[in-house]
Amino acid sequence: MDLSTTCLCLIYGILLAGSACGLQITSTGSTSIEKASGETVKLDCQFTLATEDSGPLDIEWSLQPSDNQKEEKVVIVYSGDRAFEHYYDPLKGRVHFNSPDPKTGDASMNIMGLKATDTGTYQCKVKKVPGIGSRKFLLTVMVRPSKPRCYAEGQTQGKDMILRCSSVEGTQPLQYIWERTTGNKLLPPLAVLDPVGGTMSLRNATEAASGTYRCLVKNRVGTEECMVVVNVTQPPNTAGVIAAAVICVLLFLILLALIVFCCCRARQKKKYEKEIAYEIREDVPPPKSRVSTARSFTSVGSQRSSLGSMSPSNLHEYNKPQYDKIPSEEYERPPSHAPIPPPSRMAGPNLSRMGAIPVMIPAQNRDGSIV
């Protein structure tokens, strides 16, 4: 095979996506691979040699840039019967050839402990002069959904409720699925699901909606779940509570008004009694001076002394007409009975205010007989 034929074979092989005259890549699996983070992936690159491929064997794995202006990154190399695995620092210690002796026809590469940053386009290039071949792989490293958090929002007393499920990690698209694990395992008839946002709305939730619910969040590489317990109770009788509160307020106001009324009444009564007392004092006339009877008692005593000193010679004087007179009023009244002042007269309106009742009293004379 001359030089021109070799060049034509190389050009034709490149146009046919990796096939070459003599050396050929024989792997037939999918070149688009999706893996979860933390897993291990094998990028299969099997090859065969032709008899005319007599040059040294070189195998190179590289990470193709997403931007054409950037250079490709060499990941691992086999050359001179030796493997060199420390070219690319982000994959250092996590990448190696699948076979300990790649020249046997296995140029596959294994990547362990995948990370989301490992996503990219990888190219396997096998060269043994004059043969050359290559194969590209699109590796997508997806992150499993993290453990979601489930909780209920809203009132649990006959109102609208929202059950939320949220996973903070995970490669999109994430899909949320709600299930009921207790009772008849059927979702409430008025439940509204949002498979993208992870919510489930319960309209006018009743006690029949009580139970345990499970939320499943998944993507193409994994599934996680969480549980939430819903307990719906009947709302309280708000009308009864309001009526009771109104009645209590009215009773309080009535009691307060009664207390104020009693206080005002007592105050007016006390004021009225003071006014009556003042009017009574104004109507009472001043007391009359008593007639002293000391003079009459002195004259009586002197007469008695003269009687005690009578003798038979002056008995005829005892029968004098002056002793036949009726004793005076002052003389008949005992010393202990001093003249009583006449009772004070009170005005009629004042007596009526004090509750007095008019009574007819007949006139009497001195000895007590009715006139």
Protein backbone atom coordinates (compact mmCIF):
# COMPACT_ATOMS: atom_id res chain seq x y z
CA MET A 1 0.00 0.00 0.00
CA ASP A 2 1.59 3.21 -1.13
CA LEU A 3 1.37 6.60 0.57
CA SER A 4 -1.50 7.93 -1.53
CA THR A 5 -3.63 4.90 -0.77
CA THR A 6 -2.91 5.27 2.93
CA CYS A 7 -3.98 8.92 2.90
CA LEU A 8 -7.17 8.07 1.06
CA CYS A 9 -7.96 5.39 3.63
CA LEU A 10 -7.39 7.84 6.51
CA ILE A 11 -9.66 10.49 4.97
CA TYR A 12 -12.34 7.95 4.16
CA GLY A 13 -12.15 6.51 7.66
CA ILE A 14 -12.61 9.89 9.27
CA LEU A 15 -15.63 10.61 7.13
CA LEU A 16 -17.16 7.29 8.15
CA ALA A 17 -16.94 8.26 11.85
CA GLY A 18 -14.07 6.23 13.00
CA SER A 19 -13.60 3.35 10.62
CA ALA A 20 -10.13 3.04 9.07
CA CYS A 21 -8.38 0.86 6.56
CA GLY A 22 -7.16 -2.02 8.66
CA LEU A 23 -7.84 -0.83 12.29
CA GLN A 24 -11.55 -0.77 13.15
CA ILE A 25 -13.59 0.13 16.26
CA THR A 26 -15.95 -2.77 16.81
CA SER A 27 -18.09 -1.55 19.74
CA THR A 28 -21.77 -1.23 18.81
CA GLY A 29 -23.44 -0.10 22.02
CA SER A 30 -25.19 3.22 22.65
CA THR A 31 -23.00 6.26 22.61
CA SER A 32 -25.43 8.28 24.79
CA ILE A 33 -25.20 7.16 28.39
CA GLU A 34 -27.06 8.41 31.49
CA LYS A 35 -25.79 7.49 34.91
CA ALA A 36 -26.52 8.53 38.45
CA SER A 37 -23.98 10.32 40.55
CA GLY A 38 -21.84 8.00 42.63
CA GLU A 39 -22.07 5.15 40.13
CA THR A 40 -19.42 3.70 37.83
CA VAL A 41 -19.59 3.88 34.06
CA LYS A 42 -17.78 1.93 31.38
CA LEU A 43 -17.18 3.65 28.05
CA ASP A 44 -16.77 0.71 25.66
CA CYS A 45 -14.12 1.04 22.99
CA GLN A 46 -13.19 -2.32 21.41
CA PHE A 47 -10.96 -2.45 18.35
CA THR A 48 -9.32 -4.84 15.88
CA LEU A 49 -6.03 -4.51 13.98
CA ALA A 50 -5.11 -5.39 10.46
CA THR A 51 -1.95 -7.12 9.37
CA GLU A 52 -0.62 -3.98 7.81
CA ASP A 53 -0.98 -2.02 11.09
CA SER A 54 2.60 -2.39 12.19
CA GLY A 55 3.30 0.86 14.00
CA PRO A 56 3.27 1.41 17.80
CA LEU A 57 -0.14 1.31 19.50
CA ASP A 58 -1.38 4.60 20.98
CA ILE A 59 -4.70 4.99 22.84
CA GLU A 60 -5.98 8.34 24.00
CA TRP A 61 -9.15 9.34 25.86
CA SER A 62 -10.08 13.03 25.85
CA LEU A 63 -12.91 15.28 27.06
CA GLN A 64 -14.27 17.36 24.23
CA PRO A 65 -15.02 21.01 25.04
CA SER A 66 -18.56 22.29 24.83
CA ASP A 67 -17.23 25.47 23.23
CA ASN A 68 -15.28 24.99 20.03
CA GLN A 69 -12.85 27.71 21.04
CA LYS A 70 -11.59 25.66 23.97
CA GLU A 71 -9.05 22.89 23.78
CA GLU A 72 -9.84 19.28 24.54
CA LYS A 73 -8.66 17.82 27.82
CA VAL A 74 -6.62 14.62 27.73
CA VAL A 75 -7.93 12.20 30.35
CA ILE A 76 -5.89 8.99 30.04
CA VAL A 77 -3.23 7.70 27.62
CA TYR A 78 -1.72 4.34 26.69
CA SER A 79 1.57 4.57 24.86
CA GLY A 80 4.74 2.53 24.74
CA ASP A 81 3.06 -0.36 26.52
CA ARG A 82 2.35 1.90 29.50
CA ALA A 83 -0.80 3.53 30.87
CA PHE A 84 -0.78 7.15 32.01
CA GLU A 85 -3.86 7.97 34.14
CA HIS A 86 -3.05 11.30 35.77
CA TYR A 87 -3.53 13.80 33.00
CA TYR A 88 -6.86 15.29 34.11
CA ASP A 89 -7.01 16.43 37.74
CA PRO A 90 -10.86 16.36 38.18
CA LEU A 91 -10.79 12.62 37.35
CA LYS A 92 -7.55 11.85 39.07
CA GLY A 93 -7.78 8.56 40.94
CA ARG A 94 -11.22 7.75 39.48
CA VAL A 95 -10.34 6.76 35.92
CA HIS A 96 -8.47 3.76 34.47
CA PHE A 97 -8.46 1.38 31.54
CA ASN A 98 -10.88 -1.49 31.70
CA SER A 99 -8.19 -4.00 30.64
CA PRO A 100 -4.74 -4.21 32.21
CA ASP A 101 -3.37 -4.78 28.69
CA PRO A 102 -5.24 -2.56 26.22
CA LYS A 103 -3.23 -3.80 23.21
CA THR A 104 -5.32 -6.99 23.28
CA GLY A 105 -8.09 -4.98 21.64
CA ASP A 106 -9.89 -3.40 24.64
CA ALA A 107 -9.39 0.37 24.93
CA SER A 108 -12.48 0.85 27.16
CA MET A 109 -12.28 3.33 30.03
CA ASN A 110 -13.96 3.13 33.45
CA ILE A 111 -14.90 6.20 35.54
CA MET A 112 -15.78 5.59 39.20
CA GLY A 113 -17.64 7.75 41.67
CA LEU A 114 -19.38 9.82 39.02
CA LYS A 115 -20.15 13.46 39.72
CA ALA A 116 -22.44 15.91 38.01
CA THR A 117 -19.34 17.76 36.79
CA ASP A 118 -18.24 14.63 34.88
CA THR A 119 -20.98 15.25 32.33
CA GLY A 120 -19.54 15.78 28.83
CA THR A 121 -18.48 14.28 25.53
CA TYR A 122 -15.63 11.76 25.72
CA GLN A 123 -13.65 10.50 22.72
CA CYS A 124 -11.71 7.26 22.39
CA LYS A 125 -8.93 7.45 19.77
CA VAL A 126 -6.93 4.34 18.81
CA LYS A 127 -3.95 4.72 16.50
CA LYS A 128 -1.59 2.11 15.09
CA VAL A 129 0.10 3.38 12.01
CA PRO A 130 -1.13 3.33 9.37
CA GLY A 131 -4.54 2.51 10.97
CA ILE A 132 -6.53 4.95 13.12
CA GLY A 133 -10.03 4.85 14.67
CA SER A 134 -12.17 6.84 17.14
CA ARG A 135 -15.50 6.79 18.92
CA LYS A 136 -17.38 9.45 20.88
CA PHE A 137 -19.66 9.09 23.92
CA LEU A 138 -22.11 11.56 25.40
CA LEU A 139 -22.07 10.98 29.16
CA THR A 140 -24.75 12.61 31.30
CA VAL A 141 -24.28 12.27 35.04
CA MET A 142 -27.62 12.79 36.79
CA VAL A 143 -28.14 13.45 40.47
CA ARG A 144 -30.64 11.34 42.32
CA PRO A 145 -33.42 13.23 44.10
CA SER A 146 -32.55 14.00 47.67
CA LYS A 147 -34.81 12.93 50.51
CA PRO A 148 -37.86 15.18 50.10
CA ARG A 149 -39.59 17.09 52.88
CA CYS A 150 -43.35 16.68 53.23
CA TYR A 151 -45.61 18.99 55.22
CA ALA A 152 -49.15 20.40 55.27
CA GLU A 153 -50.06 24.05 54.92
CA GLY A 154 -53.33 25.77 55.82
CA GLN A 155 -56.17 25.19 58.27
CA THR A 156 -57.01 21.68 59.47
CA GLN A 157 -60.60 22.58 60.33
CA GLY A 158 -62.69 22.19 57.23
CA LYS A 159 -60.71 24.66 55.10
CA ASP A 160 -58.49 24.38 52.03
CA MET A 161 -55.22 22.56 52.67
CA ILE A 162 -52.03 22.23 50.64
CA LEU A 163 -49.67 19.26 50.97
CA ARG A 164 -46.17 20.16 49.83
CA CYS A 165 -43.30 17.89 48.81
CA SER A 166 -39.90 19.34 47.98
CA SER A 167 -36.53 17.82 47.08
CA VAL A 168 -33.59 20.25 47.16
CA GLU A 169 -31.30 18.13 44.99
CA GLY A 170 -31.81 16.12 41.86
CA THR A 171 -31.34 16.47 38.13
CA GLN A 172 -34.32 17.87 36.35
CA PRO A 173 -36.90 17.00 35.37
CA LEU A 174 -38.23 15.85 38.73
CA GLN A 175 -41.65 14.25 38.88
CA TYR A 176 -43.78 14.24 42.04
CA ILE A 177 -46.44 11.62 42.68
CA TRP A 178 -48.88 11.63 45.64
CA GLU A 179 -50.40 8.45 47.06
CA ARG A 180 -52.65 7.64 50.01
CA THR A 181 -51.49 4.74 52.18
CA THR A 182 -54.43 4.44 54.61
CA GLY A 183 -58.18 3.94 54.30
CA ASN A 184 -59.44 3.25 50.80
CA LYS A 185 -56.10 4.50 49.39
CA LEU A 186 -57.95 6.85 47.04
CA LEU A 187 -57.15 10.52 46.90
CA PRO A 188 -59.96 12.92 47.88
CA PRO A 189 -62.23 13.73 44.91
CA LEU A 190 -61.41 17.46 45.11
CA ALA A 191 -57.63 16.96 45.24
CA VAL A 192 -55.64 18.97 42.69
CA LEU A 193 -52.15 17.62 41.87
CA ASP A 194 -49.12 19.48 40.57
CA PRO A 195 -46.58 16.85 39.42
CA VAL A 196 -43.91 19.48 38.69
CA GLY A 197 -44.27 21.69 41.75
CA GLY A 198 -44.91 18.77 44.11
CA THR A 199 -48.11 20.13 45.69
CA MET A 200 -51.53 18.61 46.26
CA SER A 201 -54.41 20.95 47.12
CA LEU A 202 -57.35 19.65 49.16
CA ARG A 203 -60.40 21.84 48.56
CA ASN A 204 -62.87 22.10 51.47
CA ALA A 205 -61.14 19.26 53.30
CA THR A 206 -63.40 17.13 55.51
CA GLU A 207 -62.71 14.41 58.05
CA ALA A 208 -62.80 11.89 55.20
CA ALA A 209 -59.55 13.41 53.92
CA SER A 210 -57.70 12.45 57.11
CA GLY A 211 -55.01 9.83 56.72
CA THR A 212 -51.39 9.20 55.76
CA TYR A 213 -50.08 10.36 52.40
CA ARG A 214 -46.85 9.47 50.60
CA CYS A 215 -44.97 11.65 48.13
CA LEU A 216 -42.70 10.02 45.54
CA VAL A 217 -40.12 12.17 43.76
CA LYS A 218 -38.20 10.61 40.89
CA ASN A 219 -36.13 11.30 37.81
CA ARG A 220 -34.48 9.01 35.31
CA VAL A 221 -31.86 7.75 37.76
CA GLY A 222 -33.58 7.44 41.15
CA THR A 223 -36.60 7.70 43.42
CA GLU A 224 -37.09 9.00 46.97
CA GLU A 225 -40.18 9.36 49.16
CA CYS A 226 -41.56 10.97 52.31
CA MET A 227 -44.73 10.64 54.42
CA VAL A 228 -47.14 13.17 55.92
CA VAL A 229 -50.11 12.62 58.27
CA VAL A 230 -53.22 14.75 57.74
CA ASN A 231 -55.80 15.14 60.52
CA VAL A 232 -58.84 17.18 59.53
CA THR A 233 -61.33 18.16 62.26
CA GLN A 234 -64.73 19.80 62.08
CA PRO A 235 -64.64 23.58 62.44
CA PRO A 236 -66.09 25.00 65.67
CA ASN A 237 -69.58 26.52 65.80
CA THR A 238 -68.54 30.11 65.29
CA ALA A 239 -72.14 31.36 65.32
CA GLY A 240 -72.70 29.87 68.77
CA VAL A 241 -69.45 31.33 70.07
CA ILE A 242 -70.37 34.79 68.77
CA ALA A 243 -73.88 34.56 70.25
CA ALA A 244 -72.48 33.51 73.64
CA ALA A 245 -70.00 36.39 73.55
CA VAL A 246 -72.77 38.87 72.71
CA ILE A 247 -74.97 37.56 75.55
CA CYS A 248 -72.09 37.83 78.02
CA VAL A 249 -71.41 41.40 76.95
CA LEU A 250 -75.10 42.34 77.31
CA LEU A 251 -75.29 40.76 80.76
CA PHE A 252 -72.20 42.64 81.82
CA LEU A 253 -73.64 45.94 80.56
CA ILE A 254 -76.95 45.29 82.34
CA LEU A 255 -75.15 44.48 85.59
CA LEU A 256 -73.01 47.59 85.24
CA ALA A 257 -76.09 49.73 84.59
CA LEU A 258 -77.82 48.23 87.63
CA ILE A 259 -74.84 48.99 89.86
CA VAL A 260 -74.69 52.58 88.57
CA PHE A 261 -78.43 53.01 89.11
CA CYS A 262 -78.24 51.72 92.71
CA CYS A 263 -75.32 54.01 93.47
CA CYS A 264 -77.16 57.03 92.06
CA ARG A 265 -80.33 56.15 93.94
CA ALA A 266 -78.48 55.79 97.24
CA ARG A 267 -76.73 59.09 96.66
CA GLN A 268 -80.00 60.89 95.90
CA LYS A 269 -81.65 59.37 99.00
CA LYS A 270 -78.82 60.53 101.21
CA LYS A 271 -78.99 63.99 99.71
CA TYR A 272 -82.77 64.07 100.22
CA GLU A 273 -82.47 63.09 103.89
CA LYS A 274 -79.99 65.91 104.46
CA GLU A 275 -82.38 68.42 102.85
CA ILE A 276 -85.28 67.22 105.09
CA ALA A 277 -83.13 67.58 108.18
CA TYR A 278 -82.28 71.16 107.24
CA GLU A 279 -85.96 72.03 106.63
CA ILE A 280 -87.02 70.57 110.01
CA ARG A 281 -84.45 72.68 111.80
CA GLU A 282 -85.71 75.81 110.08
CA ASP A 283 -89.39 75.11 111.06
CA VAL A 284 -88.76 74.50 114.81
CA PRO A 285 -89.39 77.68 116.88
CA PRO A 286 -87.02 78.57 119.70
CA PRO A 287 -87.99 77.06 123.11
CA LYS A 288 -89.91 79.27 125.56
CA SER A 289 -88.32 80.20 128.89
CA ARG A 290 -89.67 78.25 131.81
CA VAL A 291 -91.49 80.07 134.63
CA SER A 292 -89.49 79.73 137.74
CA THR A 293 -91.43 78.39 140.68
CA ALA A 294 -88.81 79.12 143.25
CA ARG A 295 -90.79 82.12 144.52
CA SER A 296 -93.96 80.08 145.17
CA PHE A 297 -92.03 77.38 146.90
CA THR A 298 -90.47 80.04 149.17
CA SER A 299 -93.82 81.50 150.12
CA VAL A 300 -95.25 78.07 150.87
CA GLY A 301 -92.30 77.24 153.04
CA SER A 302 -92.68 80.45 155.02
CA GLN A 303 -96.35 79.73 155.57
CA ARG A 304 -95.59 76.26 156.79
CA SER A 305 -93.06 77.71 159.18
CA SER A 306 -95.61 80.04 160.52
CA LEU A 307 -98.05 77.12 160.99
CA GLY A 308 -95.48 75.21 162.89
CA SER A 309 -95.03 78.11 165.33
CA MET A 310 -98.73 78.55 166.00
CA SER A 311 -99.96 78.56 169.53
CA PRO A 312 -103.49 78.44 170.98
CA SER A 313 -103.29 82.12 171.28
CA ASN A 314 -103.02 82.68 167.61
CA LEU A 315 -105.22 79.88 166.27
CA HIS A 316 -107.85 82.39 165.41
CA GLU A 317 -105.47 83.78 162.86
CA TYR A 318 -105.28 80.42 161.15
CA ASN A 319 -108.94 80.64 160.28
CA LYS A 320 -108.55 83.84 158.42
CA PRO A 321 -110.37 84.14 155.14
CA GLN A 322 -107.10 84.27 153.25
CA TYR A 323 -106.59 80.58 153.87
CA ASP A 324 -110.01 79.79 152.48
CA LYS A 325 -108.84 80.76 149.00
CA ILE A 326 -107.94 78.17 146.45
CA PRO A 327 -104.24 77.73 146.27
CA SER A 328 -102.61 79.14 143.26
CA GLU A 329 -101.67 77.03 140.29
CA GLU A 330 -98.05 77.44 141.05
CA TYR A 331 -98.55 76.21 144.59
CA GLU A 332 -100.40 73.02 143.57
CA ARG A 333 -97.79 71.95 141.00
CA PRO A 334 -95.06 69.83 142.58
CA PRO A 335 -91.58 71.18 142.47
CA SER A 336 -90.44 68.31 140.27
CA HIS A 337 -92.98 69.20 137.57
CA ALA A 338 -91.57 72.25 135.95
CA PRO A 339 -93.67 73.96 133.28
CA ILE A 340 -93.34 71.99 130.00
CA PRO A 341 -92.88 74.20 127.00
CA PRO A 342 -95.49 73.76 124.32
CA PRO A 343 -94.52 71.34 121.56
CA SER A 344 -93.02 72.85 118.52
CA ARG A 345 -95.17 73.03 115.51
CA MET A 346 -93.94 71.64 112.19
CA ALA A 347 -95.16 72.61 108.83
CA GLY A 348 -97.64 70.29 107.15
CA PRO A 349 -95.62 69.68 103.95
CA ASN A 350 -92.65 68.61 106.00
CA LEU A 351 -94.73 66.13 107.95
CA SER A 352 -96.13 64.69 104.73
CA ARG A 353 -92.63 64.22 103.33
CA MET A 354 -91.65 62.32 106.48
CA GLY A 355 -94.58 59.92 106.02
CA ALA A 356 -96.82 61.40 108.75
CA ILE A 357 -100.57 60.65 108.63
CA PRO A 358 -103.02 63.33 109.81
CA VAL A 359 -105.11 62.21 112.84
CA MET A 360 -107.98 64.02 114.58
CA ILE A 361 -107.29 64.35 118.34
CA PRO A 362 -110.25 65.55 120.55
CA ALA A 363 -109.66 68.36 122.97
CA GLN A 364 -109.37 67.55 126.71
CA ASN A 365 -109.56 69.58 129.88
CA ARG A 366 -107.19 69.45 132.79
CA ASP A 367 -108.67 66.37 134.45
CA GLY A 368 -108.47 64.40 131.15
CA SER A 369 -112.15 64.46 130.19
CA ILE A 370 -113.11 65.07 126.55
CA VAL A 371 -114.56 68.48 125.96
